[in-house]
Every structure is written in structure tokens, then in C-alpha cells.
Amino acid sequence: MLNKLVKKFQANSPKHLTIIFIVFALSGSSSLLISSPILSAINLKTLVTYYPLYILIRVLIIIPIYQINLIIIATFFGEFKYFWEMEKKILRRFGLLKS
């Protein structure tokens, strides 16, 4: 099963896969920590009373923070190239980057 994950994530080894998972975990957690003060500063809870809209706006704010965080944390772990290629794929899918 581990070998399937290594292939799926195009990792070089199980150790490399572990580093990739650590980068994902730290990026997600830190994105939520960083977004909380931003959401508090714009006072989103009082601006939007309809809860589904609040969640949508919150997700739209967190996504770019996560993407930036992912690249920064990946750089600290020496995995910039791996995650930058992943980011380019995502940007191409959204039509924000041309092939």
C-alpha cells in the first residue's frame, strides 16, 4: 500500500512521501491559524449573517493563503520544486496559467 502512495504522489521514496505529508499538514494547519486574525480584522461574522455564505467566503479567503503557505513551507523542507510543479498544475486547471 505504501508503494501505491509513493507512486500516486510521485515521490522518490517513502521518506520523501513522509516529507510531502508533513508539508501538507503544516500548510493546512498554519493556513487556518493565519486566516483567523484576517477574518477577525474584516469582521466577517457580523458582515455576513447567512452561515453558508460565511463559510463560502471563509473558504475563498483560506484557499490563496494555503497555496502561498504551501510553497513557503515546502521551501523550508527543500521541496520547492516538487510543490511548485503541483501549483502550476492547479493554476493551469483554473485557467490562471497557460501551458
N, C-alpha and C. Protein backbone atom coordinates (compact mmCIF):
# COMPACT_ATOMS: atom_id res chain seq x y z
N MET A 1 0.82 -1.20 0.00
CA MET A 1 0.00 0.00 0.00
C MET A 1 0.86 1.26 0.00
N LEU A 2 1.95 1.21 0.74
CA LEU A 2 2.84 2.36 0.79
C LEU A 2 3.42 2.66 -0.59
N ASN A 3 3.73 1.61 -1.33
CA ASN A 3 4.28 1.81 -2.68
C ASN A 3 3.26 2.47 -3.60
N LYS A 4 1.97 2.17 -3.41
CA LYS A 4 0.93 2.83 -4.20
C LYS A 4 0.89 4.33 -3.91
N LEU A 5 1.04 4.69 -2.64
CA LEU A 5 1.06 6.10 -2.28
C LEU A 5 2.30 6.81 -2.84
N VAL A 6 3.42 6.12 -2.79
CA VAL A 6 4.65 6.71 -3.35
C VAL A 6 4.46 6.98 -4.83
N LYS A 7 3.86 6.05 -5.55
CA LYS A 7 3.60 6.25 -6.99
C LYS A 7 2.57 7.35 -7.22
N LYS A 8 1.49 7.34 -6.44
CA LYS A 8 0.42 8.32 -6.59
C LYS A 8 0.93 9.75 -6.42
N PHE A 9 1.78 9.95 -5.42
CA PHE A 9 2.31 11.29 -5.15
C PHE A 9 3.61 11.57 -5.90
N GLN A 10 4.03 10.63 -6.72
CA GLN A 10 5.26 10.75 -7.49
C GLN A 10 6.46 11.09 -6.60
N ALA A 11 6.49 10.44 -5.45
CA ALA A 11 7.59 10.62 -4.51
C ALA A 11 8.74 9.70 -4.90
N ASN A 12 9.91 10.05 -4.43
CA ASN A 12 11.10 9.25 -4.73
C ASN A 12 11.26 8.05 -3.81
N SER A 13 10.72 8.16 -2.60
CA SER A 13 10.87 7.11 -1.61
C SER A 13 9.82 7.30 -0.52
N PRO A 14 9.67 6.33 0.37
CA PRO A 14 8.75 6.51 1.49
C PRO A 14 9.14 7.70 2.38
N LYS A 15 10.45 7.94 2.52
CA LYS A 15 10.91 9.11 3.30
C LYS A 15 10.46 10.41 2.63
N HIS A 16 10.59 10.47 1.32
CA HIS A 16 10.15 11.65 0.58
C HIS A 16 8.64 11.85 0.72
N LEU A 17 7.90 10.75 0.70
CA LEU A 17 6.45 10.81 0.88
C LEU A 17 6.11 11.36 2.26
N THR A 18 6.85 10.96 3.27
CA THR A 18 6.63 11.46 4.63
C THR A 18 6.85 12.96 4.68
N ILE A 19 7.88 13.45 4.04
CA ILE A 19 8.15 14.89 4.00
C ILE A 19 7.01 15.62 3.29
N ILE A 20 6.51 15.05 2.21
CA ILE A 20 5.39 15.64 1.47
C ILE A 20 4.17 15.75 2.38
N PHE A 21 3.87 14.69 3.12
CA PHE A 21 2.72 14.71 4.03
C PHE A 21 2.91 15.72 5.15
N ILE A 22 4.12 15.86 5.65
CA ILE A 22 4.40 16.84 6.71
C ILE A 22 4.17 18.25 6.18
N VAL A 23 4.63 18.51 4.96
CA VAL A 23 4.42 19.84 4.35
C VAL A 23 2.93 20.14 4.19
N PHE A 24 2.17 19.15 3.72
CA PHE A 24 0.72 19.34 3.59
C PHE A 24 0.08 19.62 4.95
N ALA A 25 0.46 18.88 5.95
CA ALA A 25 -0.13 19.04 7.29
C ALA A 25 0.19 20.41 7.88
N LEU A 26 1.44 20.80 7.81
CA LEU A 26 1.83 22.10 8.36
C LEU A 26 1.19 23.25 7.59
N SER A 27 1.08 23.10 6.29
CA SER A 27 0.47 24.16 5.47
C SER A 27 -1.00 24.35 5.81
N GLY A 28 -1.72 23.25 5.92
CA GLY A 28 -3.15 23.34 6.25
C GLY A 28 -3.39 23.93 7.61
N SER A 29 -2.65 23.46 8.60
CA SER A 29 -2.82 23.96 9.96
C SER A 29 -2.45 25.43 10.08
N SER A 30 -1.32 25.80 9.50
CA SER A 30 -0.89 27.19 9.60
C SER A 30 -1.79 28.13 8.80
N SER A 31 -2.39 27.65 7.73
CA SER A 31 -3.31 28.48 6.96
C SER A 31 -4.53 28.86 7.79
N LEU A 32 -5.04 27.90 8.55
CA LEU A 32 -6.17 28.20 9.42
C LEU A 32 -5.77 29.17 10.52
N LEU A 33 -4.58 29.00 11.07
CA LEU A 33 -4.11 29.92 12.12
C LEU A 33 -3.91 31.33 11.58
N ILE A 34 -3.40 31.43 10.37
CA ILE A 34 -3.15 32.75 9.76
C ILE A 34 -4.47 33.41 9.35
N SER A 35 -5.43 32.62 8.89
CA SER A 35 -6.67 33.21 8.39
C SER A 35 -7.57 33.74 9.51
N SER A 36 -7.47 33.18 10.69
CA SER A 36 -8.34 33.62 11.79
C SER A 36 -8.20 35.11 12.10
N PRO A 37 -6.98 35.64 12.28
CA PRO A 37 -6.87 37.09 12.53
C PRO A 37 -7.35 37.94 11.34
N ILE A 38 -7.15 37.41 10.14
CA ILE A 38 -7.60 38.15 8.95
C ILE A 38 -9.13 38.23 8.95
N LEU A 39 -9.78 37.11 9.23
CA LEU A 39 -11.24 37.09 9.28
C LEU A 39 -11.77 37.97 10.41
N SER A 40 -11.06 37.99 11.52
CA SER A 40 -11.45 38.85 12.64
C SER A 40 -11.27 40.32 12.28
N ALA A 41 -10.21 40.63 11.57
CA ALA A 41 -9.93 42.02 11.19
C ALA A 41 -11.00 42.58 10.26
N ILE A 42 -11.50 41.74 9.34
CA ILE A 42 -12.54 42.24 8.44
C ILE A 42 -13.93 42.05 9.04
N ASN A 43 -13.97 41.45 10.24
CA ASN A 43 -15.23 41.29 10.98
C ASN A 43 -16.28 40.56 10.14
N LEU A 44 -15.90 39.45 9.58
CA LEU A 44 -16.75 38.72 8.64
C LEU A 44 -18.02 38.19 9.29
N LYS A 45 -17.95 37.77 10.54
CA LYS A 45 -19.14 37.19 11.18
C LYS A 45 -20.28 38.19 11.30
N THR A 46 -19.96 39.47 11.53
CA THR A 46 -21.03 40.46 11.63
C THR A 46 -21.46 40.98 10.26
N LEU A 47 -20.58 40.90 9.28
CA LEU A 47 -20.94 41.35 7.93
C LEU A 47 -21.86 40.37 7.22
N VAL A 48 -21.65 39.08 7.47
CA VAL A 48 -22.41 38.04 6.78
C VAL A 48 -23.19 37.25 7.83
N THR A 49 -24.52 37.38 7.77
CA THR A 49 -25.35 36.67 8.74
C THR A 49 -25.82 35.31 8.22
N TYR A 50 -25.80 35.11 6.93
CA TYR A 50 -26.21 33.84 6.33
C TYR A 50 -25.03 32.89 6.39
N TYR A 51 -25.13 31.84 7.20
CA TYR A 51 -24.00 30.97 7.51
C TYR A 51 -23.37 30.29 6.29
N PRO A 52 -24.13 29.74 5.35
CA PRO A 52 -23.48 29.15 4.18
C PRO A 52 -22.63 30.16 3.39
N LEU A 53 -23.08 31.39 3.31
CA LEU A 53 -22.31 32.43 2.63
C LEU A 53 -21.03 32.74 3.42
N TYR A 54 -21.13 32.75 4.73
CA TYR A 54 -19.97 32.96 5.59
C TYR A 54 -18.91 31.88 5.33
N ILE A 55 -19.35 30.62 5.27
CA ILE A 55 -18.43 29.51 5.03
C ILE A 55 -17.79 29.65 3.65
N LEU A 56 -18.58 29.99 2.65
CA LEU A 56 -18.05 30.17 1.29
C LEU A 56 -16.98 31.25 1.25
N ILE A 57 -17.26 32.40 1.86
CA ILE A 57 -16.28 33.49 1.88
C ILE A 57 -15.04 33.09 2.64
N ARG A 58 -15.23 32.38 3.75
CA ARG A 58 -14.09 31.92 4.55
C ARG A 58 -13.19 30.99 3.73
N VAL A 59 -13.80 30.06 3.00
CA VAL A 59 -13.03 29.13 2.17
C VAL A 59 -12.30 29.90 1.06
N LEU A 60 -12.96 30.87 0.45
CA LEU A 60 -12.34 31.67 -0.61
C LEU A 60 -11.17 32.49 -0.09
N ILE A 61 -11.18 32.83 1.19
CA ILE A 61 -10.06 33.55 1.79
C ILE A 61 -8.93 32.58 2.15
N ILE A 62 -9.29 31.41 2.64
CA ILE A 62 -8.29 30.45 3.10
C ILE A 62 -7.52 29.82 1.93
N ILE A 63 -8.16 29.58 0.80
CA ILE A 63 -7.50 28.89 -0.32
C ILE A 63 -6.23 29.60 -0.79
N PRO A 64 -6.25 30.91 -1.08
CA PRO A 64 -4.99 31.53 -1.51
C PRO A 64 -3.94 31.56 -0.40
N ILE A 65 -4.38 31.71 0.85
CA ILE A 65 -3.43 31.67 1.96
C ILE A 65 -2.75 30.31 2.01
N TYR A 66 -3.54 29.25 1.82
CA TYR A 66 -3.00 27.90 1.82
C TYR A 66 -1.98 27.70 0.70
N GLN A 67 -2.30 28.17 -0.49
CA GLN A 67 -1.41 27.98 -1.63
C GLN A 67 -0.07 28.67 -1.40
N ILE A 68 -0.11 29.87 -0.86
CA ILE A 68 1.13 30.61 -0.58
C ILE A 68 1.90 29.91 0.54
N ASN A 69 1.18 29.51 1.57
CA ASN A 69 1.80 28.81 2.69
C ASN A 69 2.46 27.52 2.25
N LEU A 70 1.82 26.81 1.36
CA LEU A 70 2.34 25.54 0.88
C LEU A 70 3.71 25.72 0.24
N ILE A 71 3.86 26.73 -0.58
CA ILE A 71 5.14 27.00 -1.24
C ILE A 71 6.20 27.43 -0.23
N ILE A 72 5.81 28.27 0.71
CA ILE A 72 6.78 28.76 1.72
C ILE A 72 7.28 27.60 2.58
N ILE A 73 6.36 26.78 3.09
CA ILE A 73 6.76 25.67 3.96
C ILE A 73 7.53 24.62 3.17
N ALA A 74 7.12 24.38 1.92
CA ALA A 74 7.85 23.43 1.08
C ALA A 74 9.29 23.88 0.87
N THR A 75 9.49 25.17 0.74
CA THR A 75 10.84 25.71 0.57
C THR A 75 11.70 25.41 1.78
N PHE A 76 11.13 25.55 2.98
CA PHE A 76 11.88 25.24 4.20
C PHE A 76 12.29 23.77 4.28
N PHE A 77 11.48 22.91 3.69
CA PHE A 77 11.78 21.48 3.70
C PHE A 77 12.57 21.04 2.46
N GLY A 78 12.95 22.00 1.61
CA GLY A 78 13.72 21.66 0.42
C GLY A 78 12.90 21.02 -0.68
N GLU A 79 11.61 21.23 -0.68
CA GLU A 79 10.72 20.61 -1.65
C GLU A 79 10.03 21.64 -2.55
N PHE A 80 10.67 22.77 -2.75
CA PHE A 80 10.06 23.83 -3.56
C PHE A 80 9.71 23.33 -4.96
N LYS A 81 10.65 22.66 -5.61
CA LYS A 81 10.43 22.21 -6.99
C LYS A 81 9.22 21.28 -7.10
N TYR A 82 9.11 20.33 -6.19
CA TYR A 82 8.00 19.38 -6.20
C TYR A 82 6.66 20.11 -6.06
N PHE A 83 6.56 20.99 -5.09
CA PHE A 83 5.30 21.66 -4.84
C PHE A 83 5.01 22.77 -5.86
N TRP A 84 6.05 23.37 -6.42
CA TRP A 84 5.82 24.38 -7.46
C TRP A 84 5.22 23.74 -8.70
N GLU A 85 5.69 22.53 -9.04
CA GLU A 85 5.10 21.82 -10.18
C GLU A 85 3.62 21.51 -9.90
N MET A 86 3.32 21.14 -8.68
CA MET A 86 1.94 20.87 -8.29
C MET A 86 1.08 22.14 -8.38
N GLU A 87 1.64 23.26 -7.93
CA GLU A 87 0.94 24.54 -8.00
C GLU A 87 0.65 24.93 -9.45
N LYS A 88 1.62 24.72 -10.32
CA LYS A 88 1.42 25.06 -11.73
C LYS A 88 0.30 24.24 -12.34
N LYS A 89 0.20 22.95 -11.96
CA LYS A 89 -0.90 22.12 -12.45
C LYS A 89 -2.24 22.68 -12.01
N ILE A 90 -2.32 23.09 -10.76
CA ILE A 90 -3.57 23.65 -10.22
C ILE A 90 -3.93 24.94 -10.94
N LEU A 91 -2.94 25.81 -11.12
CA LEU A 91 -3.19 27.09 -11.80
C LEU A 91 -3.62 26.88 -13.24
N ARG A 92 -3.06 25.88 -13.91
CA ARG A 92 -3.48 25.58 -15.28
C ARG A 92 -4.93 25.09 -15.31
N ARG A 93 -5.29 24.27 -14.35
CA ARG A 93 -6.68 23.75 -14.30
C ARG A 93 -7.69 24.87 -14.10
N PHE A 94 -7.31 25.89 -13.34
CA PHE A 94 -8.20 27.03 -13.11
C PHE A 94 -8.10 28.06 -14.24
N GLY A 95 -7.20 27.83 -15.20
CA GLY A 95 -7.07 28.73 -16.31
C GLY A 95 -6.30 29.99 -15.98
N LEU A 96 -5.56 29.98 -14.87
CA LEU A 96 -4.81 31.15 -14.46
C LEU A 96 -3.37 31.14 -14.99
N LEU A 97 -2.97 30.00 -15.54
CA LEU A 97 -1.62 29.87 -16.09
C LEU A 97 -1.73 29.12 -17.39
N LYS A 98 -1.08 29.64 -18.41
CA LYS A 98 -1.12 28.97 -19.71
C LYS A 98 -0.07 27.89 -19.80
N SER A 99 -0.34 26.90 -20.59
CA SER A 99 0.59 25.75 -20.73
C SER A 99 1.88 26.13 -21.37
